[in-house]
Structures are given as structure tokens and as C-alpha cells.
C-alpha atoms as a PDB file:
ATOM      1  CA  MET A   1       0.000   0.000   0.000  1.00  0.00           C
ATOM      2  CA  ASN A   2       1.150   3.528  -0.747  1.00  0.00           C
ATOM      3  CA  LEU A   3       1.411   4.686   2.872  1.00  0.00           C
ATOM      4  CA  THR A   4       3.651   7.013   4.809  1.00  0.00           C
ATOM      5  CA  SER A   5       6.287   5.407   7.034  1.00  0.00           C
ATOM      6  CA  LEU A   6       3.849   4.732   9.869  1.00  0.00           C
ATOM      7  CA  SER A   7       0.125   4.103   9.763  1.00  0.00           C
ATOM      8  CA  TYR A   8      -2.336   6.287  11.634  1.00  0.00           C
ATOM      9  CA  LYS A   9      -2.793   3.520  14.224  1.00  0.00           C
ATOM     10  CA  GLU A  10       0.891   3.750  15.062  1.00  0.00           C
ATOM     11  CA  LYS A  11       1.054   7.542  15.026  1.00  0.00           C
ATOM     12  CA  GLY A  12      -2.005   8.566  16.983  1.00  0.00           C
ATOM     13  CA  ASP A  13      -5.159   7.506  18.722  1.00  0.00           C
ATOM     14  CA  CYS A  14      -7.570   5.066  17.132  1.00  0.00           C
ATOM     15  CA  MET A  15     -10.496   6.668  15.355  1.00  0.00           C
ATOM     16  CA  LYS A  16     -13.668   6.981  17.428  1.00  0.00           C
ATOM     17  CA  LYS A  17     -16.879   5.595  15.997  1.00  0.00           C
ATOM     18  CA  LEU A  18     -19.920   7.838  15.767  1.00  0.00           C
ATOM     19  CA  GLU A  19     -22.002   8.419  18.902  1.00  0.00           C
ATOM     20  CA  LYS A  20     -24.812  10.796  19.763  1.00  0.00           C
ATOM     21  CA  GLY A  21     -23.569  14.043  21.195  1.00  0.00           C
ATOM     22  CA  MET A  22     -20.494  14.172  18.975  1.00  0.00           C
ATOM     23  CA  HIS A  23     -19.333  17.391  17.343  1.00  0.00           C
ATOM     24  CA  ILE A  24     -19.541  17.572  13.531  1.00  0.00           C
ATOM     25  CA  ARG A  25     -17.425  20.182  11.743  1.00  0.00           C
ATOM     26  CA  VAL A  26     -18.764  21.110   8.307  1.00  0.00           C
ATOM     27  CA  LEU A  27     -16.239  22.437   5.790  1.00  0.00           C
ATOM     28  CA  SER A  28     -15.871  22.829   2.042  1.00  0.00           C
ATOM     29  CA  PRO A  29     -12.903  21.058   0.425  1.00  0.00           C
ATOM     30  CA  SER A  30     -14.423  21.778  -2.998  1.00  0.00           C
ATOM     31  CA  SER A  31     -17.340  24.071  -3.757  1.00  0.00           C
ATOM     32  CA  SER A  32     -18.672  26.732  -1.420  1.00  0.00           C
ATOM     33  CA  ILE A  33     -22.072  26.557   0.258  1.00  0.00           C
ATOM     34  CA  GLU A  34     -22.969  29.499  -2.012  1.00  0.00           C
ATOM     35  CA  ARG A  35     -23.033  27.094  -4.952  1.00  0.00           C
ATOM     36  CA  VAL A  36     -26.154  25.514  -3.489  1.00  0.00           C
ATOM     37  CA  GLY A  37     -28.002  28.629  -2.407  1.00  0.00           C
ATOM     38  CA  GLY A  38     -26.058  29.710   0.663  1.00  0.00           C
ATOM     39  CA  PHE A  39     -26.259  28.975   4.360  1.00  0.00           C
ATOM     40  CA  GLU A  40     -29.935  29.746   4.980  1.00  0.00           C
ATOM     41  CA  ALA A  41     -31.102  27.655   2.024  1.00  0.00           C
ATOM     42  CA  ASN A  42     -29.416  24.656   3.638  1.00  0.00           C
ATOM     43  CA  ARG A  43     -30.357  25.257   7.260  1.00  0.00           C
ATOM     44  CA  ASP A  44     -32.604  22.163   7.196  1.00  0.00           C
ATOM     45  CA  ALA A  45     -29.448  20.026   6.969  1.00  0.00           C
ATOM     46  CA  LYS A  46     -28.077  21.545  10.175  1.00  0.00           C
ATOM     47  CA  GLU A  47     -31.398  21.076  11.938  1.00  0.00           C
ATOM     48  CA  ARG A  48     -31.679  17.442  10.869  1.00  0.00           C
ATOM     49  CA  LEU A  49     -28.177  16.642  12.153  1.00  0.00           C
ATOM     50  CA  GLU A  50     -28.999  18.391  15.420  1.00  0.00           C
ATOM     51  CA  GLN A  51     -32.232  16.397  15.698  1.00  0.00           C
ATOM     52  CA  LEU A  52     -30.117  13.256  15.362  1.00  0.00           C
ATOM     53  CA  GLY A  53     -28.267  14.372  18.473  1.00  0.00           C
ATOM     54  CA  PHE A  54     -25.119  16.002  17.084  1.00  0.00           C
ATOM     55  CA  LYS A  55     -23.505  19.384  17.629  1.00  0.00           C
ATOM     56  CA  VAL A  56     -22.783  21.147  14.314  1.00  0.00           C
ATOM     57  CA  SER A  57     -20.213  23.864  13.645  1.00  0.00           C
ATOM     58  CA  PHE A  58     -18.721  25.402  10.517  1.00  0.00           C
ATOM     59  CA  SER A  59     -15.144  26.050   9.485  1.00  0.00           C
ATOM     60  CA  LYS A  60     -13.353  29.399   9.726  1.00  0.00           C
ATOM     61  CA  HIS A  61     -13.474  30.063   5.979  1.00  0.00           C
ATOM     62  CA  TYR A  62     -16.893  28.520   5.426  1.00  0.00           C
ATOM     63  CA  PHE A  63     -18.385  31.588   3.761  1.00  0.00           C
ATOM     64  CA  GLU A  64     -15.463  32.283   1.458  1.00  0.00           C
ATOM     65  CA  ASN A  65     -16.612  32.166  -2.153  1.00  0.00           C
ATOM     66  CA  ASP A  66     -14.302  33.075  -5.014  1.00  0.00           C
ATOM     67  CA  ILE A  67     -14.818  33.571  -8.741  1.00  0.00           C
ATOM     68  CA  LEU A  68     -14.820  29.768  -9.190  1.00  0.00           C
ATOM     69  CA  GLY A  69     -17.440  29.209  -6.510  1.00  0.00           C
ATOM     70  CA  SER A  70     -14.855  27.813  -4.105  1.00  0.00           C
ATOM     71  CA  ALA A  71     -12.243  29.145  -1.666  1.00  0.00           C
ATOM     72  CA  SER A  72      -8.482  29.533  -1.876  1.00  0.00           C
ATOM     73  CA  ILE A  73      -6.285  26.464  -1.522  1.00  0.00           C
ATOM     74  CA  GLN A  74      -4.780  27.985   1.613  1.00  0.00           C
ATOM     75  CA  SER A  75      -8.187  28.523   3.239  1.00  0.00           C
ATOM     76  CA  ARG A  76      -9.442  25.037   2.461  1.00  0.00           C
ATOM     77  CA  VAL A  77      -6.231  23.378   3.693  1.00  0.00           C
ATOM     78  CA  GLU A  78      -6.307  25.486   6.868  1.00  0.00           C
ATOM     79  CA  ASP A  79      -9.913  24.457   7.544  1.00  0.00           C
ATOM     80  CA  LEU A  80      -9.067  20.763   7.156  1.00  0.00           C
ATOM     81  CA  HIS A  81      -5.983  20.953   9.374  1.00  0.00           C
ATOM     82  CA  GLU A  82      -7.865  22.921  12.013  1.00  0.00           C
ATOM     83  CA  ALA A  83     -10.679  20.359  12.078  1.00  0.00           C
ATOM     84  CA  PHE A  84      -8.263  17.470  12.585  1.00  0.00           C
ATOM     85  CA  LEU A  85      -6.341  19.397  15.276  1.00  0.00           C
ATOM     86  CA  ASP A  86      -9.374  20.606  17.233  1.00  0.00           C
ATOM     87  CA  PRO A  87      -9.852  18.133  20.128  1.00  0.00           C
ATOM     88  CA  THR A  88     -13.551  19.029  20.374  1.00  0.00           C
ATOM     89  CA  VAL A  89     -14.270  17.974  16.767  1.00  0.00           C
ATOM     90  CA  ASP A  90     -15.197  14.316  16.265  1.00  0.00           C
ATOM     91  CA  VAL A  91     -16.492  14.189  12.670  1.00  0.00           C
ATOM     92  CA  ILE A  92     -15.586  16.145   9.523  1.00  0.00           C
ATOM     93  CA  LEU A  93     -18.356  16.474   6.940  1.00  0.00           C
ATOM     94  CA  ALA A  94     -17.919  17.977   3.472  1.00  0.00           C
ATOM     95  CA  THR A  95     -20.483  20.591   2.454  1.00  0.00           C
ATOM     96  CA  ILE A  96     -20.906  19.313  -1.099  1.00  0.00           C
ATOM     97  CA  GLY A  97     -18.772  18.110  -3.980  1.00  0.00           C
ATOM     98  CA  GLY A  98     -17.425  20.329  -6.729  1.00  0.00           C
ATOM     99  CA  PHE A  99     -14.447  20.101  -9.033  1.00  0.00           C
ATOM    100  CA  ASN A 100     -11.203  21.018  -7.288  1.00  0.00           C
ATOM    101  CA  SER A 101     -10.501  19.117  -4.060  1.00  0.00           C
ATOM    102  CA  ASN A 102      -7.493  17.467  -5.740  1.00  0.00           C
ATOM    103  CA  GLU A 103      -5.774  20.892  -5.635  1.00  0.00           C
ATOM    104  CA  LEU A 104      -5.336  20.419  -1.891  1.00  0.00           C
ATOM    105  CA  LEU A 105      -3.525  17.072  -1.934  1.00  0.00           C
ATOM    106  CA  PRO A 106       0.110  18.297  -2.107  1.00  0.00           C
ATOM    107  CA  TYR A 107      -0.496  20.741   0.749  1.00  0.00           C
ATOM    108  CA  LEU A 108      -2.202  18.486   3.287  1.00  0.00           C
ATOM    109  CA  ASP A 109      -0.138  17.479   6.317  1.00  0.00           C
ATOM    110  CA  TYR A 110      -0.674  13.723   6.331  1.00  0.00           C
ATOM    111  CA  GLU A 111       1.467  13.319   9.451  1.00  0.00           C
ATOM    112  CA  LEU A 112      -0.892  15.681  11.279  1.00  0.00           C
ATOM    113  CA  ILE A 113      -3.940  13.806   9.977  1.00  0.00           C
ATOM    114  CA  ALA A 114      -2.465  10.435  10.982  1.00  0.00           C
ATOM    115  CA  LYS A 115      -1.831  11.686  14.513  1.00  0.00           C
ATOM    116  CA  HIS A 116      -5.423  12.913  14.897  1.00  0.00           C
ATOM    117  CA  PRO A 117      -7.605  10.332  13.105  1.00  0.00           C
ATOM    118  CA  LYS A 118     -11.246  11.332  12.753  1.00  0.00           C
ATOM    119  CA  ILE A 119     -14.261  10.336  10.742  1.00  0.00           C
ATOM    120  CA  ILE A 120     -14.304  12.287   7.488  1.00  0.00           C
ATOM    121  CA  CYS A 121     -17.221  11.848   5.095  1.00  0.00           C
ATOM    122  CA  GLY A 122     -18.426  13.157   1.751  1.00  0.00           C
ATOM    123  CA  TYR A 123     -18.880  12.023  -1.831  1.00  0.00           C
ATOM    124  CA  SER A 124     -18.501  13.187  -5.428  1.00  0.00           C
ATOM    125  CA  ASP A 125     -15.431  15.449  -5.644  1.00  0.00           C
ATOM    126  CA  THR A 126     -14.502  14.573  -2.046  1.00  0.00           C
ATOM    127  CA  THR A 127     -13.444  11.229  -3.561  1.00  0.00           C
ATOM    128  CA  ALA A 128      -9.961  12.719  -4.062  1.00  0.00           C
ATOM    129  CA  ILE A 129      -9.528  13.715  -0.399  1.00  0.00           C
ATOM    130  CA  LEU A 130     -10.912  10.441   0.978  1.00  0.00           C
ATOM    131  CA  ASN A 131      -8.752   8.163  -1.166  1.00  0.00           C
ATOM    132  CA  ALA A 132      -5.643  10.316  -0.719  1.00  0.00           C
ATOM    133  CA  ILE A 133      -5.911  10.267   3.073  1.00  0.00           C
ATOM    134  CA  TYR A 134      -6.315   6.493   2.999  1.00  0.00           C
ATOM    135  CA  ALA A 135      -3.392   6.112   0.572  1.00  0.00           C
ATOM    136  CA  LYS A 136      -1.044   8.333   2.565  1.00  0.00           C
ATOM    137  CA  THR A 137      -1.971   7.310   6.121  1.00  0.00           C
ATOM    138  CA  GLY A 138      -3.982   4.093   6.035  1.00  0.00           C
ATOM    139  CA  MET A 139      -6.794   5.916   7.842  1.00  0.00           C
ATOM    140  CA  LEU A 140     -10.287   4.751   6.959  1.00  0.00           C
ATOM    141  CA  THR A 141     -12.537   7.368   5.358  1.00  0.00           C
ATOM    142  CA  TYR A 142     -16.223   7.415   4.490  1.00  0.00           C
ATOM    143  CA  MET A 143     -17.930   7.837   1.141  1.00  0.00           C
ATOM    144  CA  GLY A 144     -21.464   8.935   1.928  1.00  0.00           C
ATOM    145  CA  PRO A 145     -23.806  11.923   2.213  1.00  0.00           C
ATOM    146  CA  SER A 146     -22.420  15.437   2.278  1.00  0.00           C
ATOM    147  CA  TYR A 147     -23.825  18.110   4.578  1.00  0.00           C
ATOM    148  CA  THR A 148     -26.327  19.358   2.007  1.00  0.00           C
ATOM    149  CA  SER A 149     -27.596  15.798   1.461  1.00  0.00           C
ATOM    150  CA  PHE A 150     -29.238  15.943   4.879  1.00  0.00           C
ATOM    151  CA  LYS A 151     -31.764  18.572   3.805  1.00  0.00           C
ATOM    152  CA  MET A 152     -33.354  16.088   1.383  1.00  0.00           C
ATOM    153  CA  LYS A 153     -36.759  14.970   2.643  1.00  0.00           C
ATOM    154  CA  GLU A 154     -37.826  12.102   0.378  1.00  0.00           C
ATOM    155  CA  LEU A 155     -35.779   8.897   0.888  1.00  0.00           C
ATOM    156  CA  GLN A 156     -33.827  10.483   3.731  1.00  0.00           C
ATOM    157  CA  GLU A 157     -34.614   7.667   6.175  1.00  0.00           C
ATOM    158  CA  TYR A 158     -32.664   5.066   4.176  1.00  0.00           C
ATOM    159  CA  GLN A 159     -29.790   7.478   3.551  1.00  0.00           C
ATOM    160  CA  THR A 160     -29.478   8.508   7.202  1.00  0.00           C
ATOM    161  CA  GLU A 161     -29.761   4.948   8.512  1.00  0.00           C
ATOM    162  CA  SER A 162     -26.998   3.783   6.173  1.00  0.00           C
ATOM    163  CA  TRP A 163     -24.802   6.715   7.238  1.00  0.00           C
ATOM    164  CA  LEU A 164     -25.363   6.080  10.944  1.00  0.00           C
ATOM    165  CA  LYS A 165     -24.707   2.364  10.529  1.00  0.00           C
ATOM    166  CA  ALA A 166     -21.441   2.860   8.654  1.00  0.00           C
ATOM    167  CA  LEU A 167     -20.068   5.544  10.957  1.00  0.00           C
ATOM    168  CA  SER A 168     -21.068   3.848  14.217  1.00  0.00           C
ATOM    169  CA  HIS A 169     -20.241   0.188  13.439  1.00  0.00           C
ATOM    170  CA  THR A 170     -17.100  -1.633  12.334  1.00  0.00           C
ATOM    171  CA  HIS A 171     -19.070  -4.395  10.590  1.00  0.00           C
ATOM    172  CA  TYR A 172     -22.170  -3.694   8.538  1.00  0.00           C
ATOM    173  CA  GLU A 173     -24.088  -4.842   5.471  1.00  0.00           C
ATOM    174  CA  LEU A 174     -25.194  -2.622   2.625  1.00  0.00           C
ATOM    175  CA  THR A 175     -28.864  -3.061   1.796  1.00  0.00           C
ATOM    176  CA  GLN A 176     -31.052  -1.993  -1.101  1.00  0.00           C
ATOM    177  CA  SER A 177     -33.339   0.991  -0.796  1.00  0.00           C
ATOM    178  CA  GLU A 178     -36.998   0.427  -1.643  1.00  0.00           C
ATOM    179  CA  LYS A 179     -37.071   3.088  -4.352  1.00  0.00           C
ATOM    180  CA  TRP A 180     -34.786   5.638  -5.952  1.00  0.00           C
ATOM    181  CA  GLY A 181     -34.940   8.808  -8.015  1.00  0.00           C
ATOM    182  CA  SER A 182     -32.834  11.027 -10.217  1.00  0.00           C
ATOM    183  CA  ASN A 183     -34.446  14.278  -9.197  1.00  0.00           C
ATOM    184  CA  ALA A 184     -33.569  17.917  -8.600  1.00  0.00           C
ATOM    185  CA  TRP A 185     -34.825  17.381  -5.028  1.00  0.00           C
ATOM    186  CA  TYR A 186     -33.029  20.524  -3.810  1.00  0.00           C
ATOM    187  CA  LEU A 187     -35.386  22.769  -5.818  1.00  0.00           C
ATOM    188  CA  PRO A 188     -38.537  23.660  -3.833  1.00  0.00           C
ATOM    189  CA  ASP A 189     -40.949  23.094  -6.727  1.00  0.00           C
ATOM    190  CA  ALA A 190     -39.251  20.101  -8.337  1.00  0.00           C
ATOM    191  CA  THR A 191     -41.444  17.232  -9.548  1.00  0.00           C
ATOM    192  CA  LEU A 192     -40.176  14.036  -7.935  1.00  0.00           C
ATOM    193  CA  THR A 193     -40.431  10.652  -9.639  1.00  0.00           C
ATOM    194  CA  PHE A 194     -39.246   7.319  -8.257  1.00  0.00           C
ATOM    195  CA  GLN A 195     -38.624   3.774  -9.447  1.00  0.00           C
ATOM    196  CA  PRO A 196     -38.283   0.509  -7.528  1.00  0.00           C
ATOM    197  CA  THR A 197     -34.663  -0.265  -6.622  1.00  0.00           C
ATOM    198  CA  GLU A 198     -33.106  -3.365  -8.172  1.00  0.00           C
ATOM    199  CA  TRP A 199     -29.431  -4.117  -7.704  1.00  0.00           C
ATOM    200  CA  LYS A 200     -28.196  -6.125 -10.681  1.00  0.00           C
ATOM    201  CA  VAL A 201     -25.364  -8.544 -11.440  1.00  0.00           C
ATOM    202  CA  TYR A 202     -23.208  -8.498 -14.561  1.00  0.00           C
ATOM    203  CA  THR A 203     -20.854 -11.277 -13.410  1.00  0.00           C
ATOM    204  CA  HIS A 204     -21.463 -13.572 -10.456  1.00  0.00           C
ATOM    205  CA  GLY A 205     -18.861 -14.378  -7.845  1.00  0.00           C
ATOM    206  CA  LYS A 206     -17.741 -14.054  -4.251  1.00  0.00           C
ATOM    207  CA  VAL A 207     -14.647 -12.165  -3.104  1.00  0.00           C
ATOM    208  CA  THR A 208     -13.161 -10.168  -0.236  1.00  0.00           C
ATOM    209  CA  ALA A 209     -10.910  -7.175  -0.989  1.00  0.00           C
ATOM    210  CA  THR A 210     -10.173  -3.594   0.075  1.00  0.00           C
ATOM    211  CA  ALA A 211     -12.757  -0.967  -0.855  1.00  0.00           C
ATOM    212  CA  ILE A 212     -11.472   1.997  -2.870  1.00  0.00           C
ATOM    213  CA  GLY A 213     -12.926   4.371  -5.460  1.00  0.00           C
ATOM    214  CA  GLY A 214     -15.859   6.758  -5.587  1.00  0.00           C
ATOM    215  CA  ASN A 215     -16.777   9.214  -8.293  1.00  0.00           C
ATOM    216  CA  LEU A 216     -15.111   7.838 -11.416  1.00  0.00           C
ATOM    217  CA  SER A 217     -14.003  11.150 -12.928  1.00  0.00           C
ATOM    218  CA  THR A 218     -12.521  12.381  -9.654  1.00  0.00           C
ATOM    219  CA  PHE A 219     -10.884   9.071  -8.785  1.00  0.00           C
ATOM    220  CA  SER A 220      -9.271   9.135 -12.236  1.00  0.00           C
ATOM    221  CA  LEU A 221      -7.477  12.372 -11.300  1.00  0.00           C
ATOM    222  CA  LEU A 222      -5.353  10.419  -8.806  1.00  0.00           C
ATOM    223  CA  ARG A 223      -3.733   8.170 -11.417  1.00  0.00           C
ATOM    224  CA  GLY A 224       0.025   8.665 -11.555  1.00  0.00           C
ATOM    225  CA  THR A 225       0.119  10.679  -8.326  1.00  0.00           C
ATOM    226  CA  PRO A 226       1.298   9.670  -4.832  1.00  0.00           C
ATOM    227  CA  TYR A 227      -2.314   9.960  -3.694  1.00  0.00           C
ATOM    228  CA  ALA A 228      -3.763   6.962  -5.540  1.00  0.00           C
ATOM    229  CA  PRO A 229      -4.525   4.053  -3.195  1.00  0.00           C
ATOM    230  CA  LYS A 230      -2.714   0.829  -4.109  1.00  0.00           C
ATOM    231  CA  PRO A 231      -3.822  -2.028  -1.861  1.00  0.00           C
ATOM    232  CA  GLU A 232      -2.733  -5.484  -2.991  1.00  0.00           C
ATOM    233  CA  GLU A 233      -6.298  -6.704  -3.484  1.00  0.00           C
ATOM    234  CA  TYR A 234      -8.986  -4.145  -4.180  1.00  0.00           C
ATOM    235  CA  ALA A 235     -12.661  -3.856  -5.020  1.00  0.00           C
ATOM    236  CA  ILE A 236     -13.488  -0.641  -6.868  1.00  0.00           C
ATOM    237  CA  PHE A 237     -16.690   1.306  -6.281  1.00  0.00           C
ATOM    238  CA  ILE A 238     -17.432   3.705  -9.145  1.00  0.00           C
ATOM    239  CA  GLU A 239     -20.239   6.121  -9.964  1.00  0.00           C
ATOM    240  CA  LYS A 240     -20.893   8.869 -12.493  1.00  0.00           C
ATOM    241  CA  SER A 241     -22.052  12.413 -11.812  1.00  0.00           C
ATOM    242  CA  GLU A 242     -24.508  14.402 -13.926  1.00  0.00           C
ATOM    243  CA  ASP A 243     -21.652  16.052 -15.839  1.00  0.00           C
ATOM    244  CA  GLY A 244     -20.971  14.385 -19.179  1.00  0.00           C
ATOM    245  CA  ASP A 245     -22.699  11.357 -20.633  1.00  0.00           C
ATOM    246  CA  TYR A 246     -22.075   7.667 -21.264  1.00  0.00           C
ATOM    247  CA  PHE A 247     -19.179   8.432 -23.622  1.00  0.00           C
ATOM    248  CA  GLU A 248     -17.262   9.936 -20.708  1.00  0.00           C
ATOM    249  CA  PHE A 249     -18.014   6.908 -18.542  1.00  0.00           C
ATOM    250  CA  ASP A 250     -16.818   4.634 -21.354  1.00  0.00           C
ATOM    251  CA  ARG A 251     -13.387   6.227 -21.704  1.00  0.00           C
ATOM    252  CA  ASN A 252     -12.898   6.773 -17.969  1.00  0.00           C
ATOM    253  CA  LEU A 253     -13.645   3.102 -17.317  1.00  0.00           C
ATOM    254  CA  ALA A 254     -11.023   2.166 -19.913  1.00  0.00           C
ATOM    255  CA  ALA A 255      -8.440   4.388 -18.197  1.00  0.00           C
ATOM    256  CA  LEU A 256      -9.374   3.003 -14.777  1.00  0.00           C
ATOM    257  CA  LEU A 257      -8.861  -0.596 -15.856  1.00  0.00           C
ATOM    258  CA  GLN A 258      -5.524   0.324 -17.429  1.00  0.00           C
ATOM    259  CA  ALA A 259      -4.343   1.765 -14.110  1.00  0.00           C
ATOM    260  CA  TYR A 260      -6.013  -0.838 -11.864  1.00  0.00           C
ATOM    261  CA  THR A 261      -5.479  -3.942 -13.941  1.00  0.00           C
ATOM    262  CA  ASN A 262      -6.375  -6.607 -11.395  1.00  0.00           C
ATOM    263  CA  PRO A 263      -9.568  -5.626  -9.563  1.00  0.00           C
ATOM    264  CA  LYS A 264     -11.233  -8.300  -7.449  1.00  0.00           C
ATOM    265  CA  ALA A 265     -14.664  -6.743  -7.937  1.00  0.00           C
ATOM    266  CA  VAL A 266     -16.236  -3.708  -9.596  1.00  0.00           C
ATOM    267  CA  LEU A 267     -19.346  -2.180  -8.028  1.00  0.00           C
ATOM    268  CA  ILE A 268     -21.170   0.436 -10.091  1.00  0.00           C
ATOM    269  CA  GLY A 269     -23.656   2.999  -8.837  1.00  0.00           C
ATOM    270  CA  ARG A 270     -26.782   4.123 -10.643  1.00  0.00           C
ATOM    271  CA  PHE A 271     -26.485   6.713 -13.392  1.00  0.00           C
ATOM    272  CA  PRO A 272     -28.248  10.087 -13.198  1.00  0.00           C
ATOM    273  CA  LYS A 273     -30.709  10.668 -16.006  1.00  0.00           C
ATOM    274  CA  GLU A 274     -28.449  13.416 -17.410  1.00  0.00           C
ATOM    275  CA  CYS A 275     -25.897  10.738 -18.399  1.00  0.00           C
ATOM    276  CA  ARG A 276     -28.390   9.164 -20.816  1.00  0.00           C
ATOM    277  CA  MET A 277     -27.045   5.752 -19.843  1.00  0.00           C
ATOM    278  CA  THR A 278     -29.300   2.792 -20.621  1.00  0.00           C
ATOM    279  CA  GLU A 279     -28.862  -0.791 -19.492  1.00  0.00           C
ATOM    280  CA  GLU A 280     -28.174  -1.784 -23.089  1.00  0.00           C
ATOM    281  CA  LEU A 281     -25.391   0.796 -23.364  1.00  0.00           C
ATOM    282  CA  LEU A 282     -23.876  -0.145 -20.006  1.00  0.00           C
ATOM    283  CA  LEU A 283     -23.792  -3.859 -20.810  1.00  0.00           C
ATOM    284  CA  TYR A 284     -22.227  -3.102 -24.201  1.00  0.00           C
ATOM    285  CA  ILE A 285     -19.492  -1.076 -22.495  1.00  0.00           C
ATOM    286  CA  LEU A 286     -18.837  -3.739 -19.848  1.00  0.00           C
ATOM    287  CA  ASP A 287     -18.667  -6.441 -22.531  1.00  0.00           C
ATOM    288  CA  LYS A 288     -15.485  -4.834 -23.883  1.00  0.00           C
ATOM    289  CA  TYR A 289     -13.389  -5.969 -20.915  1.00  0.00           C
ATOM    290  CA  PRO A 290     -12.533  -9.660 -20.388  1.00  0.00           C
ATOM    291  CA  VAL A 291     -11.528  -8.975 -16.773  1.00  0.00           C
ATOM    292  CA  LEU A 292     -15.091  -7.955 -15.959  1.00  0.00           C
ATOM    293  CA  LYS A 293     -16.313 -11.413 -16.975  1.00  0.00           C
ATOM    294  CA  GLN A 294     -13.959 -13.055 -14.460  1.00  0.00           C
ATOM    295  CA  ILE A 295     -14.749 -11.114 -11.264  1.00  0.00           C
ATOM    296  CA  PRO A 296     -17.924 -10.100  -9.410  1.00  0.00           C
ATOM    297  CA  VAL A 297     -19.493  -7.058 -11.060  1.00  0.00           C
ATOM    298  CA  MET A 298     -22.694  -5.427  -9.811  1.00  0.00           C
ATOM    299  CA  TYR A 299     -24.490  -2.321 -11.041  1.00  0.00           C
ATOM    300  CA  ASP A 300     -27.421  -0.017 -10.289  1.00  0.00           C
ATOM    301  CA  LEU A 301     -26.340   0.176  -6.650  1.00  0.00           C
ATOM    302  CA  ASP A 302     -27.437   2.883  -4.183  1.00  0.00           C
ATOM    303  CA  PHE A 303     -24.124   4.634  -4.700  1.00  0.00           C
ATOM    304  CA  ALA A 304     -24.403   7.530  -7.057  1.00  0.00           C
ATOM    305  CA  HIS A 305     -25.498  11.043  -7.887  1.00  0.00           C
ATOM    306  CA  THR A 306     -29.039   9.747  -7.516  1.00  0.00           C
ATOM    307  CA  GLN A 307     -31.151   9.477  -4.381  1.00  0.00           C
ATOM    308  CA  PRO A 308     -30.739   7.903  -1.873  1.00  0.00           C
ATOM    309  CA  LEU A 309     -27.128   6.826  -1.349  1.00  0.00           C
ATOM    310  CA  PHE A 310     -25.520   4.374   1.042  1.00  0.00           C
ATOM    311  CA  THR A 311     -22.256   4.962   2.918  1.00  0.00           C
ATOM    312  CA  ILE A 312     -19.118   2.833   2.522  1.00  0.00           C
ATOM    313  CA  THR A 313     -15.751   2.756   4.264  1.00  0.00           C
ATOM    314  CA  ILE A 314     -12.771   3.464   2.010  1.00  0.00           C
ATOM    315  CA  GLY A 315      -9.908   1.177   3.088  1.00  0.00           C
ATOM    316  CA  ALA A 316     -12.091  -1.428   4.805  1.00  0.00           C
ATOM    317  CA  LYS A 317     -12.542  -5.004   3.672  1.00  0.00           C
ATOM    318  CA  VAL A 318     -15.614  -5.553   1.529  1.00  0.00           C
ATOM    319  CA  THR A 319     -17.059  -9.010   0.881  1.00  0.00           C
ATOM    320  CA  VAL A 320     -19.176  -9.269  -2.252  1.00  0.00           C
ATOM    321  CA  ASP A 321     -21.403 -12.311  -2.765  1.00  0.00           C
ATOM    322  CA  THR A 322     -23.546 -11.833  -5.845  1.00  0.00           C
ATOM    323  CA  GLU A 323     -25.586 -15.023  -5.377  1.00  0.00           C
ATOM    324  CA  LYS A 324     -26.824 -13.605  -2.076  1.00  0.00           C
ATOM    325  CA  MET A 325     -26.857 -10.017  -3.415  1.00  0.00           C
ATOM    326  CA  SER A 326     -24.738  -9.273  -0.385  1.00  0.00           C
ATOM    327  CA  ILE A 327     -22.134  -6.535   0.205  1.00  0.00           C
ATOM    328  CA  ILE A 328     -20.603  -6.573   3.696  1.00  0.00           C
ATOM    329  CA  ILE A 329     -18.090  -4.049   5.025  1.00  0.00           C
ATOM    330  CA  ASP A 330     -15.637  -5.096   7.750  1.00  0.00           C
ATOM    331  CA  GLU A 331     -13.343  -2.452   9.214  1.00  0.00           C
ATOM    332  CA  GLU A 332     -11.716  -4.893  11.623  1.00  0.00           C
ATOM    333  CA  GLY A 333     -10.591  -7.365   8.979  1.00  0.00           C
ATOM    334  CA  LEU A 334      -7.599  -5.260   7.927  1.00  0.00           C
END
């Protein structure tokens, strides 16, 4: 594995699991809260987290918003370091995704992070931060809802339960939601439509490996850098955002399998409607790669830029059993 000289377990305290009463620090490693309407438009997220029993605070530079809808590299790095250093902070939660969290990777103090291990969670563009921290320190990180995800009303119960289960347990099973949608749920007058959830299998099999991955486009940015995770045996979770279409997924999958040539499993999230991906197109793309016919491959999982989404642990062991439609995460089996 591409780790620093000592793992986080050797350098600092063990990471605490989530408990009621803990202090969540919200910060923006990518886009600013202004990108999604500002603080007041997202107050429901704060209130929901507080109703769950958590204290919520916001980073020093939380309201910084530059011409790119983000904050300076210096401000974002400072906010991350401060959150890890603050002894009163237990959980770090990304505001939202974006496009530029990979800018921060050369400037993060991984020794500092390893000495102060904490739950850090987000998805989409936060993929870069989560995988880099795991690669450089061995610290487990969490791919799941961002802060703004908690203001969603429909399907929130499944999403919150999955998040609580992942962050508070070391062994948990991912389960299917009852229904899902690809909706602009954050708009007050949006028309919401839903379909029954059905996880699907492209290739059957059973395997245990280390979970890595996330948003495919963002994860691809780590190739050739010191921040790409390189466990000996790995299962790759991948999902596609609304940006781009199935052509982009096609070429990014090719690049991924050229960099990670020996995956033990590939687990694919649902596609937002903007991608124009159909099952016929997806199966045609997957058929190109002989390796995907030899390992467990599942698709249409609750892991995506659709609603709702489950939470997984980057760096934990994941056991995939397609016959049982089972995906089990084990943080203690490292």
C-alpha cells in the first residue's frame, strides 16, 4: 500500500466511531455553500443533524466564495488541518462536492492527519480527499452523504440509517433501498419521480478485498500521483455524476482498468438521467473488458449522484457475494 512510514494507528489515537452528542465540523474542500443557495437555504441540513443528536459547527473560511465558486487552496487546507487538530471535533463532513478538491492534496499534512484520526465523510469530488488520506496514512474514510444531502426529505430515512450504521459500526451490510430517483430534489418546486430499486449482477462471484474508489471522474485524477490508493487486493466502487454522458463513462472506465489492472470486484452505482445511460449501453461497455467477466461485477447500486445513497468505508474489507446479493463491510478485517 502507498502509505507514509507509519500508519495512523501507530502515530495517533484510534479513530472513534460515531455516537450521539459528537461534534460535527462542516467544511468545504471543494465548492462553497454558495453554490447551493447559501447557508440559509441549507439550514434544514443543520437542523436534521442536530435532531439526530449532534452538535454542528462550521469552518473558519466557510463563507469564502471566489470567482470559481470555491475558496483559496490555503483557506481550504487550513480548515481541514484545524478540524483534525481541534480536540472538540469528532467528525468532519464535506459541504458538497465540486471540481477542485485534488488541488489540496500536495499541501495536506498527512502526518498531522495520521496523529489525529477522525471520521471524514463526503462524496462526489470529495473522492480525491478520501482516497488520498487512505493512501497516505492508512486511515479509513467514508464515502457517503455530504452536509447538504441531509436537507433532502424524500428517501432520507434510508440514507441517514446507512450513514449512521457505517459511521457507528465496524461491521455492517449494505442493503437496497426500496425506491430511488434522479431528481432535482433541492429545488422547492421540483417534480419528484421514483422507481423501484433493483441491484443487478453483470458477473457472479464471491470475493473479499479492500474498498477503494468513488466518483469515477474524480478518482481518475489520482492516477500517476502519490495519492492513488494501491492495496494489494482491491474492489473498486465507481459512480458517475450528472456532468458528461455515457461516452465519458466509457473512456474513464477504460483508463481506470488500465491503471487498476487486477480488480477483485467492480461495483457500479446508478447513473443520473443526465448521463443518458441505458442498461443496453452499459452492458455493451462492460462487454469490452474480459476482466469484468472473471470477477464479481454489480451495477445499479445505491451509490451515485441519484437518491438515496448508502455509505461505505474506504480502506475497509468488503465481501461481495452476488448469489446472495450481499455486500458486507468489515473495518476490523484489515
